Protein backbone atom coordinates (compact mmCIF):
# COMPACT_ATOMS: atom_id res chain seq x y z
CA MET A 1 0.00 0.00 0.00
CA LEU A 2 1.29 3.48 -0.92
CA ASN A 3 2.22 5.52 2.14
CA LEU A 4 1.34 9.10 1.16
CA TYR A 5 3.09 10.52 4.22
CA THR A 6 6.45 9.53 2.78
CA LEU A 7 5.78 11.67 -0.31
CA HIS A 8 5.22 14.93 1.53
CA ALA A 9 7.96 17.36 2.54
CA ASP A 10 6.30 18.05 5.88
CA PRO A 11 4.19 14.99 6.71
CA ASP A 12 3.56 16.20 10.28
CA SER A 13 1.35 18.90 8.82
CA LEU A 14 -0.92 16.41 7.06
CA ALA A 15 -4.26 15.50 8.57
CA GLY A 16 -4.17 12.17 10.31
CA PHE A 17 -0.38 11.90 10.59
CA ASN A 18 -0.39 11.42 14.35
CA GLU A 19 -3.23 8.90 14.21
CA ASN A 20 -2.09 6.94 11.17
CA VAL A 21 1.69 6.96 11.49
CA LYS A 22 2.65 7.74 15.04
CA MET A 23 0.05 5.32 16.38
CA ASP A 24 0.59 2.36 14.04
CA PRO A 25 3.81 0.31 14.45
CA ILE A 26 4.08 -0.77 10.81
CA ALA A 27 3.26 2.70 9.48
CA ALA A 28 5.84 4.20 11.85
CA LEU A 29 8.43 1.65 10.71
CA LYS A 30 7.77 2.45 7.04
CA TYR A 31 8.07 6.17 7.69
CA ALA A 32 11.38 5.70 9.54
CA ALA A 33 12.66 3.52 6.70
CA HIS A 34 11.69 6.29 4.28
CA LEU A 35 13.66 8.81 6.35
CA GLY A 36 16.64 6.47 6.30
CA LYS A 37 17.51 7.23 9.89
CA ARG A 38 16.24 6.78 13.41
CA TRP A 39 12.93 8.46 14.16
CA PRO A 40 12.79 8.88 17.93
CA GLU A 41 9.21 10.18 17.92
CA GLY A 42 7.97 6.92 16.47
CA GLU A 43 10.06 4.45 18.46
CA LYS A 44 7.58 4.09 21.30
CA THR A 45 4.96 3.02 18.76
CA ILE A 46 7.35 0.71 16.89
CA LEU A 47 8.13 -1.05 20.17
CA LYS A 48 4.52 -2.22 20.38
CA SER A 49 5.20 -4.79 17.63
CA VAL A 50 7.86 -7.51 17.59
CA GLU A 51 7.91 -7.51 13.77
CA ALA A 52 8.31 -3.73 13.63
CA SER A 53 10.98 -3.81 16.35
CA TYR A 54 13.04 -6.38 14.47
CA ASN A 55 12.72 -4.61 11.14
CA TYR A 56 13.53 -1.22 12.65
CA ALA A 57 16.79 -2.61 14.02
CA MET A 58 17.66 -4.31 10.75
CA LEU A 59 16.52 -1.70 8.21
CA VAL A 60 16.86 1.61 10.03
CA ILE A 61 19.37 1.28 12.84
CA LYS A 62 21.27 -1.44 10.99
CA GLY A 63 22.47 -2.84 14.26
CA ARG A 64 21.37 -3.87 17.72
CA TRP A 65 18.55 -1.98 19.38
CA PRO A 66 18.31 -2.90 23.07
CA GLU A 67 14.80 -1.49 23.46
CA GLY A 68 13.56 -3.58 20.54
CA GLU A 69 15.29 -6.66 21.87
CA LYS A 70 13.37 -6.27 25.13
CA THR A 71 10.12 -6.26 23.16
CA ILE A 72 11.07 -9.41 21.28
CA LEU A 73 12.10 -11.15 24.49
CA SER A 74 9.05 -10.03 26.45
CA LYS A 75 6.62 -11.21 23.78
CA GLY A 76 8.53 -14.45 23.27
CA SER A 77 8.56 -14.56 19.48
CA PRO A 78 10.81 -17.48 18.39
CA LEU A 79 10.87 -16.41 14.75
CA MET A 80 11.73 -12.76 15.40
CA ALA A 81 14.33 -13.84 17.96
CA TYR A 82 15.99 -16.12 15.41
CA LEU A 83 15.90 -13.44 12.71
CA SER A 84 17.40 -10.91 15.10
CA ALA A 85 20.25 -13.28 15.92
CA LYS A 86 20.94 -14.06 12.28
CA ASN A 87 20.47 -10.67 10.64
CA VAL A 88 21.06 -8.08 13.36
CA ILE A 89 23.29 -9.60 16.04
CA LYS A 90 24.92 -11.87 13.45
CA GLY A 91 25.65 -14.49 16.05
CA ARG A 92 24.22 -16.26 19.05
CA TRP A 93 21.70 -14.48 21.24
CA PRO A 94 21.82 -16.43 24.51
CA GLU A 95 19.03 -14.47 26.17
CA ALA A 96 16.61 -15.50 23.41
CA GLU A 97 17.62 -19.12 23.00
CA GLU A 98 14.93 -20.47 25.30
CA HIS A 99 12.30 -18.86 23.08
CA ILE A 100 13.95 -20.00 19.85
CA ALA A 101 14.28 -23.56 21.11
CA SER A 102 10.53 -23.79 21.69
CA ASP A 103 9.57 -23.69 18.00
CA SER A 104 10.72 -26.27 15.48
CA THR A 105 11.41 -24.10 12.44
CA PRO A 106 13.23 -21.21 14.14
CA ALA A 107 15.18 -23.79 16.18
CA TYR A 108 16.29 -25.59 13.01
CA TYR A 109 17.25 -22.36 11.27
CA TYR A 110 19.12 -21.16 14.36
CA ALA A 111 21.13 -24.38 14.43
CA TYR A 112 21.83 -24.23 10.71
CA HIS A 113 22.50 -20.52 10.20
CA VAL A 114 23.72 -19.30 13.59
CA ILE A 115 25.15 -22.23 15.55
CA LYS A 116 26.26 -23.92 12.32
CA GLY A 117 26.04 -27.30 13.97
CA ARG A 118 23.98 -29.43 16.32
CA TRP A 119 22.03 -27.53 18.94
CA PRO A 120 20.70 -29.91 21.61
CA PRO A 121 18.40 -27.33 23.32
CA GLY A 122 16.36 -27.07 20.12
CA GLU A 123 16.25 -30.74 19.18
CA LYS A 124 13.07 -31.59 21.10
CA ALA A 125 11.09 -29.03 19.12
CA ILE A 126 12.84 -29.86 15.86
CA ALA A 127 12.05 -33.55 16.32
CA SER A 128 8.32 -32.81 16.46
CA ASN A 129 8.11 -31.55 12.87
CA PHE A 130 8.80 -33.94 9.99
CA GLY A 131 10.16 -31.28 7.65
CA ASP A 132 12.42 -29.62 10.19
CA ALA A 133 13.58 -32.99 11.53
CA TYR A 134 14.50 -34.14 8.02
CA ASN A 135 16.32 -30.89 7.23
CA TYR A 136 18.18 -31.05 10.54
CA ALA A 137 19.28 -34.61 9.79
CA THR A 138 20.44 -33.86 6.25
CA SER A 139 21.84 -30.35 6.64
CA VAL A 140 23.07 -30.15 10.22
CA ILE A 141 23.78 -33.65 11.52
CA LYS A 142 24.42 -35.11 8.06
CA GLY A 143 23.20 -38.42 9.36
CA ARG A 144 20.40 -40.04 11.30
CA PHE A 145 18.36 -38.04 13.78
CA PRO A 146 16.63 -40.71 15.92
CA PRO A 147 14.49 -38.28 17.99
CA GLY A 148 12.90 -36.99 14.79
CA GLU A 149 12.34 -40.32 13.07
CA LYS A 150 8.83 -40.83 14.45
CA ALA A 151 7.66 -37.61 12.84
CA ILE A 152 9.60 -38.28 9.64
CA ALA A 153 8.19 -41.79 9.34
CA ALA A 154 4.63 -40.46 9.32
CA ASN A 155 4.99 -38.46 6.10
CA PRO A 156 5.21 -40.42 2.81
CA GLY A 157 7.41 -38.02 0.88
CA VAL A 158 9.74 -37.12 3.71
CA ALA A 159 10.05 -40.75 4.84
CA SER A 160 10.98 -41.74 1.30
CA SER A 161 13.58 -38.96 1.09
CA TYR A 162 14.98 -39.95 4.49
CA ALA A 163 15.39 -43.52 3.26
CA ASP A 164 17.15 -42.27 0.11
CA ASN A 165 19.37 -39.58 1.56
CA VAL A 166 20.01 -40.57 5.17
CA ILE A 167 19.45 -44.30 5.57
CA LYS A 168 20.51 -44.92 1.96
CA GLY A 169 18.42 -48.05 1.78
CA ARG A 170 15.21 -49.60 3.01
CA TRP A 171 13.73 -47.99 6.08
CA PRO A 172 10.99 -50.19 7.57
CA PRO A 173 9.73 -47.58 10.09
CA GLY A 174 8.68 -45.33 7.20
CA GLU A 175 7.26 -47.98 4.91
CA LYS A 176 3.68 -47.79 6.17
CA ALA A 177 3.47 -44.12 5.22
CA ILE A 178 5.42 -44.57 1.99
CA ALA A 179 3.12 -47.41 0.95
CA SER A 180 0.09 -45.14 1.34
CA HIS A 181 1.07 -42.79 -1.48
CA PRO A 182 1.25 -44.15 -5.05
CA PHE A 183 4.13 -42.02 -6.31
CA ASN A 184 6.30 -42.70 -3.27
CA ALA A 185 5.30 -46.36 -3.22
CA GLU A 186 6.26 -46.89 -6.87
CA GLN A 187 9.58 -45.07 -6.50
CA TYR A 188 10.45 -46.85 -3.26
CA ALA A 189 9.56 -50.27 -4.68
CA ARG A 190 11.69 -49.61 -7.75
CA LYS A 191 14.74 -48.73 -5.63
CA TYR A 192 14.51 -51.16 -2.76
CA PHE A 193 12.45 -54.12 -4.01
CA LYS A 194 14.27 -54.55 -7.29
CA GLY A 195 12.55 -57.25 -9.29
CA LYS A 196 10.26 -58.12 -6.40
CA ARG A 197 6.70 -57.27 -5.52
CA TRP A 198 5.88 -55.03 -2.59
CA PRO A 199 2.33 -55.98 -1.55
CA GLU A 200 2.09 -53.17 1.00
CA GLY A 201 2.54 -50.57 -1.74
CA GLU A 202 0.26 -52.18 -4.30
CA LYS A 203 -2.95 -51.08 -2.57
CA ALA A 204 -2.14 -47.40 -3.05
CA LEU A 205 -0.96 -48.00 -6.59
CA LEU A 206 -4.20 -49.74 -7.54
CA ALA A 207 -6.30 -47.05 -5.86
CA ASP A 208 -4.62 -43.81 -6.92
CA ALA A 209 -1.71 -44.39 -9.28
CA THR A 210 -1.49 -43.04 -12.79
CA PRO A 211 -1.42 -45.59 -15.61
CA LEU A 212 2.30 -44.92 -16.04
CA MET A 213 3.06 -45.62 -12.38
CA ALA A 214 1.17 -48.90 -12.57
CA TYR A 215 2.96 -49.89 -15.77
CA ASN A 216 6.35 -49.01 -14.27
CA TYR A 217 5.62 -51.16 -11.25
CA ALA A 218 4.57 -54.07 -13.45
CA ARG A 219 7.73 -53.72 -15.52
CA ASN A 220 10.27 -53.05 -12.78
CA ASN A 221 8.94 -55.14 -9.92
CA ILE A 222 6.53 -57.76 -11.19
CA LYS A 223 8.42 -58.14 -14.45
CA GLY A 224 5.32 -59.45 -16.10
CA ARG A 225 1.57 -59.00 -16.23
CA TRP A 226 -0.28 -57.28 -13.44
CA PRO A 227 -3.88 -58.26 -14.14
CA GLU A 228 -5.32 -56.30 -11.21
CA ALA A 229 -3.91 -53.07 -12.67
CA GLU A 230 -4.78 -53.56 -16.32
CA ALA A 231 -8.06 -51.64 -16.14
CA LEU A 232 -6.09 -48.71 -14.74
CA ILE A 233 -3.30 -48.96 -17.32
CA LYS A 234 -5.87 -49.03 -20.14
CA LYS A 235 -6.99 -45.52 -19.21
CA ASN A 236 -3.95 -44.21 -21.09
CA PRO A 237 -3.83 -45.69 -24.62
CA HIS A 238 -0.14 -44.91 -25.07
CA VAL A 239 0.84 -46.54 -21.78
CA TRP A 240 -1.44 -49.49 -22.50
CA LYS A 241 0.30 -49.99 -25.85
CA ASP A 242 3.70 -49.94 -24.10
CA TYR A 243 2.39 -52.44 -21.57
CA GLN A 244 1.19 -54.79 -24.34
CA ASN A 245 4.48 -54.47 -26.21
CA TYR A 246 6.32 -55.32 -23.03
CA GLN A 247 4.23 -58.47 -22.61
CA LYS A 248 5.02 -59.45 -26.21
CA PHE A 249 8.70 -58.85 -25.53
CA LEU A 250 8.59 -61.13 -22.47
CA ALA A 251 6.77 -63.79 -24.49
CA SER A 252 9.43 -63.64 -27.22
CA LEU A 253 12.15 -64.19 -24.63
CA LYS A 254 10.39 -67.32 -23.40
CA ASN A 255 10.05 -68.63 -26.94
CA HIS A 256 13.79 -68.31 -27.51
CA LYS A 257 14.71 -70.33 -24.49
């Protein structure tokens, strides 16, 4: 939204300036940013908002602002605390770490960007979120993160990626979730059940797979006909033709034996 007060040479003289700028934290922040310097008259208002306090320190003061830090600490905003550490303090902020450690995403980012390594105080929160737990394992620990594996194992895509990039092989704890999603089930079966059927994944494939996924499973895992999936494969004429040609190819191999 256009802030008309920033376009006037003497905005204090405009009607509504005190009500609209001096009384609104975000409006006051924008006006200070327009001035390009500290605006003491508006700082009391800016301090009413953790977001405005953080941005005032970063964009206007371009450094630490103790008054704003008190606001962030008093309101207990994990995200603003993390951003202040990373972008304003440019290092650890011990006084805020209890707040940061209470929220999975800020805790992960704090470990990755600020600590640049494992951060045990934040691991309980990180472990509760499948995405943050996976990122912590791959980007920070660079290995398994057992406390987060329960959350990771519950999400089909993340469990599959954890098997690929962390376990580097089959991961039974995640297979129930992986088997519930046709794309992940087909990919997982292709990698870790080479030439073998994976009954647990077939249910999702038959229910929700595309014709191509079903054909790929038949070719890569069953290595032959998959009668239960043929009605599905027929829905795509091109894939059905490939499926039939593959069956003819297998028949020709048998005839040459």
